Amino acid sequence: MKYIVYVLLAAIVASLGTGLYYLRRDSGDSAKMLRALQVRVALSAVLILFLVVAYFSGWITAPAR
């Protein structure tokens, strides 16, 4: 379970790095940079959706106070 979250976070960071690379290389006018940032947003949405579903399914619980 936590490995899924780790993989998604690593993919988000990799996509962010790819977007930064294309931003520096093509001065921000690249379709590749736009695609990398779209992938990052999509991965972030998938991560949030996964965490919400996992919480309501009982796979994860709120931390104890």
PDB file of N, CA and C in Angstrom:
ATOM      1  N   MET A   1       0.816  -1.189   0.000  1.00  0.00           N
ATOM      2  CA  MET A   1       0.000   0.000   0.000  1.00  0.00           C
ATOM      3  C   MET A   1       0.860   1.254   0.000  1.00  0.00           C
ATOM      4  N   LYS A   2       1.799   1.332   0.952  1.00  0.00           N
ATOM      5  CA  LYS A   2       2.613   2.535   1.010  1.00  0.00           C
ATOM      6  C   LYS A   2       3.571   2.607  -0.172  1.00  0.00           C
ATOM      7  N   TYR A   3       3.868   1.451  -0.773  1.00  0.00           N
ATOM      8  CA  TYR A   3       4.746   1.463  -1.946  1.00  0.00           C
ATOM      9  C   TYR A   3       4.058   2.103  -3.148  1.00  0.00           C
ATOM     10  N   ILE A   4       2.747   1.973  -3.227  1.00  0.00           N
ATOM     11  CA  ILE A   4       1.997   2.635  -4.293  1.00  0.00           C
ATOM     12  C   ILE A   4       2.121   4.150  -4.143  1.00  0.00           C
ATOM     13  N   VAL A   5       2.001   4.623  -2.924  1.00  0.00           N
ATOM     14  CA  VAL A   5       2.131   6.058  -2.657  1.00  0.00           C
ATOM     15  C   VAL A   5       3.552   6.522  -2.980  1.00  0.00           C
ATOM     16  N   TYR A   6       4.556   5.732  -2.586  1.00  0.00           N
ATOM     17  CA  TYR A   6       5.944   6.093  -2.884  1.00  0.00           C
ATOM     18  C   TYR A   6       6.202   6.161  -4.384  1.00  0.00           C
ATOM     19  N   VAL A   7       5.659   5.206  -5.120  1.00  0.00           N
ATOM     20  CA  VAL A   7       5.857   5.179  -6.578  1.00  0.00           C
ATOM     21  C   VAL A   7       5.181   6.386  -7.218  1.00  0.00           C
ATOM     22  N   LEU A   8       3.979   6.701  -6.786  1.00  0.00           N
ATOM     23  CA  LEU A   8       3.287   7.869  -7.338  1.00  0.00           C
ATOM     24  C   LEU A   8       4.022   9.162  -7.007  1.00  0.00           C
ATOM     25  N   LEU A   9       4.519   9.287  -5.780  1.00  0.00           N
ATOM     26  CA  LEU A   9       5.283  10.485  -5.421  1.00  0.00           C
ATOM     27  C   LEU A   9       6.569  10.595  -6.236  1.00  0.00           C
ATOM     28  N   ALA A  10       7.250   9.472  -6.453  1.00  0.00           N
ATOM     29  CA  ALA A  10       8.469   9.487  -7.264  1.00  0.00           C
ATOM     30  C   ALA A  10       8.156   9.871  -8.702  1.00  0.00           C
ATOM     31  N   ALA A  11       7.044   9.382  -9.235  1.00  0.00           N
ATOM     32  CA  ALA A  11       6.652   9.730 -10.593  1.00  0.00           C
ATOM     33  C   ALA A  11       6.299  11.215 -10.703  1.00  0.00           C
ATOM     34  N   ILE A  12       5.678  11.766  -9.673  1.00  0.00           N
ATOM     35  CA  ILE A  12       5.346  13.195  -9.661  1.00  0.00           C
ATOM     36  C   ILE A  12       6.621  14.027  -9.662  1.00  0.00           C
ATOM     37  N   VAL A  13       7.582  13.660  -8.834  1.00  0.00           N
ATOM     38  CA  VAL A  13       8.851  14.394  -8.779  1.00  0.00           C
ATOM     39  C   VAL A  13       9.608  14.262 -10.101  1.00  0.00           C
ATOM     40  N   ALA A  14       9.594  13.072 -10.706  1.00  0.00           N
ATOM     41  CA  ALA A  14      10.265  12.878 -11.990  1.00  0.00           C
ATOM     42  C   ALA A  14       9.613  13.726 -13.076  1.00  0.00           C
ATOM     43  N   SER A  15       8.287  13.793 -13.073  1.00  0.00           N
ATOM     44  CA  SER A  15       7.587  14.616 -14.051  1.00  0.00           C
ATOM     45  C   SER A  15       7.883  16.097 -13.833  1.00  0.00           C
ATOM     46  N   LEU A  16       7.982  16.497 -12.584  1.00  0.00           N
ATOM     47  CA  LEU A  16       8.338  17.886 -12.277  1.00  0.00           C
ATOM     48  C   LEU A  16       9.743  18.202 -12.780  1.00  0.00           C
ATOM     49  N   GLY A  17      10.672  17.275 -12.587  1.00  0.00           N
ATOM     50  CA  GLY A  17      12.029  17.456 -13.090  1.00  0.00           C
ATOM     51  C   GLY A  17      12.082  17.520 -14.609  1.00  0.00           C
ATOM     52  N   THR A  18      11.280  16.685 -15.248  1.00  0.00           N
ATOM     53  CA  THR A  18      11.222  16.712 -16.713  1.00  0.00           C
ATOM     54  C   THR A  18      10.691  18.056 -17.213  1.00  0.00           C
ATOM     55  N   GLY A  19       9.656  18.554 -16.549  1.00  0.00           N
ATOM     56  CA  GLY A  19       9.116  19.860 -16.919  1.00  0.00           C
ATOM     57  C   GLY A  19      10.142  20.967 -16.732  1.00  0.00           C
ATOM     58  N   LEU A  20      10.904  20.904 -15.650  1.00  0.00           N
ATOM     59  CA  LEU A  20      11.959  21.887 -15.412  1.00  0.00           C
ATOM     60  C   LEU A  20      13.038  21.806 -16.487  1.00  0.00           C
ATOM     61  N   TYR A  21      13.389  20.589 -16.868  1.00  0.00           N
ATOM     62  CA  TYR A  21      14.397  20.408 -17.914  1.00  0.00           C
ATOM     63  C   TYR A  21      13.953  21.062 -19.226  1.00  0.00           C
ATOM     64  N   TYR A  22      12.710  20.805 -19.627  1.00  0.00           N
ATOM     65  CA  TYR A  22      12.217  21.398 -20.875  1.00  0.00           C
ATOM     66  C   TYR A  22      11.998  22.905 -20.737  1.00  0.00           C
ATOM     67  N   LEU A  23      11.699  23.384 -19.542  1.00  0.00           N
ATOM     68  CA  LEU A  23      11.579  24.819 -19.323  1.00  0.00           C
ATOM     69  C   LEU A  23      12.917  25.507 -19.549  1.00  0.00           C
ATOM     70  N   ARG A  24      13.975  24.925 -19.007  1.00  0.00           N
ATOM     71  CA  ARG A  24      15.313  25.515 -19.165  1.00  0.00           C
ATOM     72  C   ARG A  24      15.823  25.371 -20.591  1.00  0.00           C
ATOM     73  N   ARG A  25      15.538  24.240 -21.239  1.00  0.00           N
ATOM     74  CA  ARG A  25      16.084  23.961 -22.556  1.00  0.00           C
ATOM     75  C   ARG A  25      15.375  24.739 -23.668  1.00  0.00           C
ATOM     76  N   ASP A  26      14.042  24.831 -23.582  1.00  0.00           N
ATOM     77  CA  ASP A  26      13.273  25.443 -24.671  1.00  0.00           C
ATOM     78  C   ASP A  26      12.652  26.782 -24.298  1.00  0.00           C
ATOM     79  N   SER A  27      13.092  27.388 -23.235  1.00  0.00           N
ATOM     80  CA  SER A  27      12.607  28.697 -22.777  1.00  0.00           C
ATOM     81  C   SER A  27      11.109  28.714 -22.491  1.00  0.00           C
ATOM     82  N   GLY A  28      10.548  27.573 -22.131  1.00  0.00           N
ATOM     83  CA  GLY A  28       9.154  27.523 -21.716  1.00  0.00           C
ATOM     84  C   GLY A  28       8.142  27.477 -22.826  1.00  0.00           C
ATOM     85  N   ASP A  29       8.569  27.357 -24.084  1.00  0.00           N
ATOM     86  CA  ASP A  29       7.642  27.329 -25.207  1.00  0.00           C
ATOM     87  C   ASP A  29       7.515  25.936 -25.810  1.00  0.00           C
ATOM     88  N   SER A  30       7.704  24.919 -25.020  1.00  0.00           N
ATOM     89  CA  SER A  30       7.745  23.566 -25.535  1.00  0.00           C
ATOM     90  C   SER A  30       6.454  22.815 -25.239  1.00  0.00           C
ATOM     91  N   ALA A  31       5.997  22.057 -26.217  1.00  0.00           N
ATOM     92  CA  ALA A  31       4.856  21.182 -26.001  1.00  0.00           C
ATOM     93  C   ALA A  31       5.243  20.037 -25.066  1.00  0.00           C
ATOM     94  N   LYS A  32       6.523  19.674 -25.055  1.00  0.00           N
ATOM     95  CA  LYS A  32       6.993  18.611 -24.158  1.00  0.00           C
ATOM     96  C   LYS A  32       6.904  19.054 -22.707  1.00  0.00           C
ATOM     97  N   MET A  33       7.189  20.331 -22.452  1.00  0.00           N
ATOM     98  CA  MET A  33       7.074  20.842 -21.098  1.00  0.00           C
ATOM     99  C   MET A  33       5.611  20.826 -20.654  1.00  0.00           C
ATOM    100  N   LEU A  34       4.720  21.227 -21.536  1.00  0.00           N
ATOM    101  CA  LEU A  34       3.301  21.222 -21.224  1.00  0.00           C
ATOM    102  C   LEU A  34       2.830  19.808 -20.926  1.00  0.00           C
ATOM    103  N   ARG A  35       3.268  18.838 -21.712  1.00  0.00           N
ATOM    104  CA  ARG A  35       2.889  17.439 -21.489  1.00  0.00           C
ATOM    105  C   ARG A  35       3.411  16.937 -20.138  1.00  0.00           C
ATOM    106  N   ALA A  36       4.648  17.282 -19.788  1.00  0.00           N
ATOM    107  CA  ALA A  36       5.215  16.848 -18.507  1.00  0.00           C
ATOM    108  C   ALA A  36       4.413  17.431 -17.343  1.00  0.00           C
ATOM    109  N   LEU A  37       4.000  18.662 -17.451  1.00  0.00           N
ATOM    110  CA  LEU A  37       3.227  19.279 -16.378  1.00  0.00           C
ATOM    111  C   LEU A  37       1.807  18.720 -16.326  1.00  0.00           C
ATOM    112  N   GLN A  38       1.231  18.367 -17.484  1.00  0.00           N
ATOM    113  CA  GLN A  38      -0.077  17.714 -17.492  1.00  0.00           C
ATOM    114  C   GLN A  38      -0.005  16.347 -16.820  1.00  0.00           C
ATOM    115  N   VAL A  39       1.076  15.630 -17.079  1.00  0.00           N
ATOM    116  CA  VAL A  39       1.271  14.329 -16.442  1.00  0.00           C
ATOM    117  C   VAL A  39       1.393  14.497 -14.941  1.00  0.00           C
ATOM    118  N   ARG A  40       2.108  15.517 -14.503  1.00  0.00           N
ATOM    119  CA  ARG A  40       2.273  15.761 -13.063  1.00  0.00           C
ATOM    120  C   ARG A  40       0.934  16.045 -12.397  1.00  0.00           C
ATOM    121  N   VAL A  41       0.121  16.861 -13.020  1.00  0.00           N
ATOM    122  CA  VAL A  41      -1.192  17.176 -12.452  1.00  0.00           C
ATOM    123  C   VAL A  41      -2.069  15.927 -12.417  1.00  0.00           C
ATOM    124  N   ALA A  42      -2.027  15.135 -13.479  1.00  0.00           N
ATOM    125  CA  ALA A  42      -2.817  13.905 -13.522  1.00  0.00           C
ATOM    126  C   ALA A  42      -2.355  12.918 -12.446  1.00  0.00           C
ATOM    127  N   LEU A  43      -1.050  12.771 -12.278  1.00  0.00           N
ATOM    128  CA  LEU A  43      -0.534  11.876 -11.237  1.00  0.00           C
ATOM    129  C   LEU A  43      -0.917  12.364  -9.845  1.00  0.00           C
ATOM    130  N   SER A  44      -0.890  13.669  -9.638  1.00  0.00           N
ATOM    131  CA  SER A  44      -1.295  14.225  -8.346  1.00  0.00           C
ATOM    132  C   SER A  44      -2.768  13.948  -8.075  1.00  0.00           C
ATOM    133  N   ALA A  45      -3.602  14.078  -9.099  1.00  0.00           N
ATOM    134  CA  ALA A  45      -5.030  13.797  -8.942  1.00  0.00           C
ATOM    135  C   ALA A  45      -5.254  12.315  -8.638  1.00  0.00           C
ATOM    136  N   VAL A  46      -4.510  11.439  -9.309  1.00  0.00           N
ATOM    137  CA  VAL A  46      -4.623  10.000  -9.057  1.00  0.00           C
ATOM    138  C   VAL A  46      -4.200   9.688  -7.622  1.00  0.00           C
ATOM    139  N   LEU A  47      -3.135  10.304  -7.153  1.00  0.00           N
ATOM    140  CA  LEU A  47      -2.672  10.076  -5.783  1.00  0.00           C
ATOM    141  C   LEU A  47      -3.726  10.515  -4.769  1.00  0.00           C
ATOM    142  N   ILE A  48      -4.289  11.672  -4.949  1.00  0.00           N
ATOM    143  CA  ILE A  48      -5.313  12.168  -4.029  1.00  0.00           C
ATOM    144  C   ILE A  48      -6.540  11.257  -4.060  1.00  0.00           C
ATOM    145  N   LEU A  49      -6.971  10.869  -5.250  1.00  0.00           N
ATOM    146  CA  LEU A  49      -8.114   9.978  -5.374  1.00  0.00           C
ATOM    147  C   LEU A  49      -7.831   8.634  -4.714  1.00  0.00           C
ATOM    148  N   PHE A  50      -6.638   8.098  -4.906  1.00  0.00           N
ATOM    149  CA  PHE A  50      -6.256   6.837  -4.286  1.00  0.00           C
ATOM    150  C   PHE A  50      -6.290   6.936  -2.767  1.00  0.00           C
ATOM    151  N   LEU A  51      -5.765   8.020  -2.215  1.00  0.00           N
ATOM    152  CA  LEU A  51      -5.750   8.196  -0.765  1.00  0.00           C
ATOM    153  C   LEU A  51      -7.166   8.339  -0.197  1.00  0.00           C
ATOM    154  N   VAL A  52      -8.042   9.032  -0.903  1.00  0.00           N
ATOM    155  CA  VAL A  52      -9.429   9.180  -0.446  1.00  0.00           C
ATOM    156  C   VAL A  52     -10.138   7.832  -0.475  1.00  0.00           C
ATOM    157  N   VAL A  53      -9.980   7.092  -1.569  1.00  0.00           N
ATOM    158  CA  VAL A  53     -10.611   5.773  -1.674  1.00  0.00           C
ATOM    159  C   VAL A  53     -10.054   4.836  -0.603  1.00  0.00           C
ATOM    160  N   ALA A  54      -8.747   4.872  -0.388  1.00  0.00           N
ATOM    161  CA  ALA A  54      -8.127   4.012   0.619  1.00  0.00           C
ATOM    162  C   ALA A  54      -8.639   4.352   2.015  1.00  0.00           C
ATOM    163  N   TYR A  55      -8.843   5.620   2.296  1.00  0.00           N
ATOM    164  CA  TYR A  55      -9.345   6.017   3.610  1.00  0.00           C
ATOM    165  C   TYR A  55     -10.771   5.521   3.822  1.00  0.00           C
ATOM    166  N   PHE A  56     -11.636   5.739   2.836  1.00  0.00           N
ATOM    167  CA  PHE A  56     -13.026   5.341   2.992  1.00  0.00           C
ATOM    168  C   PHE A  56     -13.221   3.831   2.894  1.00  0.00           C
ATOM    169  N   SER A  57     -12.282   3.130   2.301  1.00  0.00           N
ATOM    170  CA  SER A  57     -12.352   1.667   2.248  1.00  0.00           C
ATOM    171  C   SER A  57     -11.795   1.026   3.509  1.00  0.00           C
ATOM    172  N   GLY A  58     -11.148   1.806   4.353  1.00  0.00           N
ATOM    173  CA  GLY A  58     -10.595   1.292   5.592  1.00  0.00           C
ATOM    174  C   GLY A  58      -9.186   0.744   5.450  1.00  0.00           C
ATOM    175  N   TRP A  59      -8.554   0.946   4.297  1.00  0.00           N
ATOM    176  CA  TRP A  59      -7.182   0.469   4.089  1.00  0.00           C
ATOM    177  C   TRP A  59      -6.186   1.286   4.905  1.00  0.00           C
ATOM    178  N   ILE A  60      -6.516   2.556   5.126  1.00  0.00           N
ATOM    179  CA  ILE A  60      -5.693   3.412   5.964  1.00  0.00           C
ATOM    180  C   ILE A  60      -6.601   4.082   6.987  1.00  0.00           C
ATOM    181  N   THR A  61      -6.018   4.496   8.096  1.00  0.00           N
ATOM    182  CA  THR A  61      -6.801   5.161   9.132  1.00  0.00           C
ATOM    183  C   THR A  61      -6.142   6.489   9.467  1.00  0.00           C
ATOM    184  N   ALA A  62      -6.911   7.332  10.105  1.00  0.00           N
ATOM    185  CA  ALA A  62      -6.388   8.616  10.543  1.00  0.00           C
ATOM    186  C   ALA A  62      -5.382   8.383  11.665  1.00  0.00           C
ATOM    187  N   PRO A  63      -4.346   9.204  11.740  1.00  0.00           N
ATOM    188  CA  PRO A  63      -3.347   9.022  12.812  1.00  0.00           C
ATOM    189  C   PRO A  63      -3.955   9.279  14.186  1.00  0.00           C
ATOM    190  N   ALA A  64      -3.466   8.555  15.182  1.00  0.00           N
ATOM    191  CA  ALA A  64      -3.944   8.744  16.551  1.00  0.00           C
ATOM    192  C   ALA A  64      -3.401  10.054  17.111  1.00  0.00           C
ATOM    193  N   ARG A  65      -4.170  10.671  17.959  1.00  0.00           N
ATOM    194  CA  ARG A  65      -3.731  11.948  18.537  1.00  0.00           C
ATOM    195  C   ARG A  65      -2.917  11.758  19.747  1.00  0.00           C
TER     196      ARG A  65
END
